[in-house]
Amino acid sequence: MNQVDGRVFKDRRGLKDRRVLQDRRKPPTPASSQFKFWWQRKTLRSEVDRKKSGYVDLYSGGLLFLIILILGLDILDSLFTKMVLDLKGWELNPIVRAVIELYRDRFWVSKVAILSIPLILLCVHSKFRLAMSVILAICFIKIGVLLYQIF
């Protein structure tokens, strides 16, 4: 007899099915499972999952490109800021100004480190609707800041 949720399954002839079905989704995947290294989830497959968002195991190359682009733009921003300060300019951002006064020539390291933590969190949450919009917005803001510094 095959019973799931109180239902008894029968074959085409009306005889009771003798197989016992166990729900394979009840036990969690162990930490040392083969699924940890192979068959990772790259996308949210079902429409229901895509609507409610979720987490994936592998990330797209486009997301990696955007994250590296933002970090590269941040390093360029730091170098241009140093050039502007050498030409007797000033930093408008009071937080960055305080970091520059504290670390002098190594301020770009702390600036990149401070930006890296939120970027990691945004990458992990990249399948949520708002996260990708925030990543793109940061990218466009960084490009705008660099264009402003260049001109």
Protein backbone atom coordinates (compact mmCIF):
# COMPACT_ATOMS: atom_id res chain seq x y z
CA MET A 1 0.00 0.00 0.00
CA ASN A 2 1.35 3.38 -0.92
CA GLN A 3 0.20 6.21 1.29
CA VAL A 4 1.26 9.84 1.05
CA ASP A 5 -0.63 12.54 2.95
CA GLY A 6 -3.40 10.06 3.70
CA ARG A 7 -3.91 9.14 0.02
CA VAL A 8 -3.65 5.57 -1.24
CA PHE A 9 -2.32 5.11 -4.75
CA LYS A 10 -3.70 2.45 -7.09
CA ASP A 11 -2.50 1.24 -10.46
CA ARG A 12 -4.57 1.21 -13.68
CA ARG A 13 -6.34 -2.02 -12.77
CA GLY A 14 -7.49 -0.57 -9.45
CA LEU A 15 -5.04 -2.65 -7.39
CA LYS A 16 -3.20 -1.04 -4.57
CA ASP A 17 0.38 -0.04 -5.32
CA ARG A 18 2.87 -1.95 -3.19
CA ARG A 19 5.70 0.58 -3.45
CA VAL A 20 6.47 2.78 -0.48
CA LEU A 21 7.17 6.38 -1.42
CA GLN A 22 9.38 8.41 0.84
CA ASP A 23 9.63 12.14 0.47
CA ARG A 24 13.24 12.73 -0.57
CA ARG A 25 13.02 16.43 0.26
CA LYS A 26 12.53 16.02 4.01
CA PRO A 27 16.13 15.27 5.05
CA PRO A 28 18.50 18.19 4.41
CA THR A 29 21.49 17.79 2.11
CA PRO A 30 24.52 16.86 4.22
CA ALA A 31 27.52 19.21 4.23
CA SER A 32 29.78 16.56 2.64
CA SER A 33 27.33 15.66 -0.11
CA GLN A 34 28.24 15.25 -3.78
CA PHE A 35 25.74 18.00 -4.52
CA LYS A 36 28.04 20.46 -2.75
CA PHE A 37 30.56 20.30 -5.60
CA TRP A 38 28.56 19.14 -8.62
CA TRP A 39 25.11 20.00 -9.91
CA GLN A 40 25.00 23.38 -8.25
CA ARG A 41 22.11 25.70 -8.87
CA LYS A 42 22.99 28.44 -11.36
CA THR A 43 19.54 29.89 -11.88
CA LEU A 44 16.15 29.82 -10.29
CA ARG A 45 14.36 27.25 -12.45
CA SER A 46 10.68 27.53 -11.77
CA GLU A 47 8.55 30.60 -12.33
CA VAL A 48 7.45 30.51 -8.69
CA ASP A 49 11.09 30.60 -7.52
CA ARG A 50 11.89 33.50 -9.85
CA LYS A 51 8.95 35.51 -8.54
CA LYS A 52 9.87 35.09 -4.88
CA SER A 53 13.66 35.28 -5.52
CA GLY A 54 16.26 33.16 -3.80
CA TYR A 55 19.88 32.12 -3.62
CA VAL A 56 22.05 30.28 -6.13
CA ASP A 57 25.35 28.40 -5.88
CA LEU A 58 27.00 29.71 -9.04
CA TYR A 59 26.93 33.25 -10.39
CA SER A 60 26.91 34.50 -13.96
CA GLY A 61 29.89 35.90 -15.79
CA GLY A 62 28.02 39.18 -16.31
CA LEU A 63 27.65 39.64 -12.56
CA LEU A 64 31.36 38.91 -12.06
CA PHE A 65 32.16 41.49 -14.76
CA LEU A 66 30.02 44.15 -13.02
CA ILE A 67 31.58 43.47 -9.61
CA ILE A 68 35.13 43.66 -11.00
CA LEU A 69 34.18 46.77 -13.00
CA ILE A 70 32.90 48.50 -9.85
CA LEU A 71 36.08 47.61 -7.94
CA GLY A 72 38.24 48.81 -10.84
CA LEU A 73 36.30 52.05 -11.10
CA ASP A 74 36.71 52.54 -7.34
CA ILE A 75 40.49 52.13 -7.63
CA LEU A 76 40.55 54.62 -10.52
CA ASP A 77 38.43 56.99 -8.43
CA SER A 78 40.98 56.75 -5.63
CA LEU A 79 43.87 57.46 -8.00
CA PHE A 80 42.08 60.42 -9.57
CA THR A 81 41.21 61.72 -6.09
CA LYS A 82 44.89 61.55 -5.16
CA MET A 83 45.78 63.46 -8.34
CA VAL A 84 43.16 66.14 -7.60
CA LEU A 85 44.43 66.49 -4.03
CA ASP A 86 48.01 66.88 -5.32
CA LEU A 87 46.77 69.73 -7.54
CA LYS A 88 45.43 71.55 -4.46
CA GLY A 89 41.87 70.27 -4.87
CA TRP A 90 39.70 69.02 -2.03
CA GLU A 91 37.57 65.99 -1.24
CA LEU A 92 33.84 66.70 -0.94
CA ASN A 93 32.95 63.50 0.90
CA PRO A 94 33.67 64.04 4.62
CA ILE A 95 34.07 60.32 5.35
CA VAL A 96 36.61 59.84 2.57
CA ARG A 97 38.33 63.09 3.64
CA ALA A 98 38.73 61.67 7.17
CA VAL A 99 40.12 58.39 5.81
CA ILE A 100 42.56 60.31 3.60
CA GLU A 101 43.78 62.31 6.61
CA LEU A 102 44.15 59.12 8.61
CA TYR A 103 45.90 56.88 6.04
CA ARG A 104 47.42 59.42 3.61
CA ASP A 105 48.68 57.54 0.51
CA ARG A 106 47.18 54.18 1.50
CA PHE A 107 43.61 55.44 1.76
CA TRP A 108 42.60 53.60 -1.43
CA VAL A 109 43.13 50.24 0.33
CA SER A 110 40.59 51.07 3.01
CA LYS A 111 38.24 52.58 0.43
CA VAL A 112 38.27 49.38 -1.67
CA ALA A 113 37.92 47.23 1.47
CA ILE A 114 34.91 49.24 2.63
CA LEU A 115 33.27 48.87 -0.79
CA SER A 116 34.05 45.14 -1.08
CA ILE A 117 31.86 44.05 1.83
CA PRO A 118 28.59 45.47 0.42
CA LEU A 119 29.53 44.16 -3.04
CA ILE A 120 29.90 40.63 -1.66
CA LEU A 121 26.49 40.92 0.00
CA LEU A 122 24.95 42.24 -3.22
CA CYS A 123 26.52 39.38 -5.17
CA VAL A 124 25.06 36.79 -2.77
CA HIS A 125 21.63 38.43 -3.08
CA SER A 126 21.91 38.99 -6.85
CA LYS A 127 18.80 36.92 -7.66
CA PHE A 128 16.64 39.29 -5.65
CA ARG A 129 14.98 42.04 -7.70
CA LEU A 130 16.46 45.06 -5.95
CA ALA A 131 20.05 43.76 -5.74
CA MET A 132 20.78 43.81 -9.47
CA SER A 133 19.29 47.30 -9.76
CA VAL A 134 21.56 48.50 -6.95
CA ILE A 135 24.62 46.91 -8.61
CA LEU A 136 23.85 48.66 -11.90
CA ALA A 137 23.17 51.96 -10.10
CA ILE A 138 26.52 51.78 -8.29
CA CYS A 139 28.24 51.08 -11.61
CA PHE A 140 26.64 54.10 -13.29
CA ILE A 141 27.36 56.36 -10.30
CA LYS A 142 31.03 55.31 -10.33
CA ILE A 143 31.25 56.00 -14.07
CA GLY A 144 29.63 59.40 -13.53
CA VAL A 145 32.06 60.29 -10.74
CA LEU A 146 35.05 59.31 -12.88
CA LEU A 147 33.79 61.35 -15.83
CA TYR A 148 33.32 64.33 -13.50
CA GLN A 149 36.90 63.97 -12.21
CA ILE A 150 38.31 63.66 -15.71
CA PHE A 151 36.56 66.81 -16.98
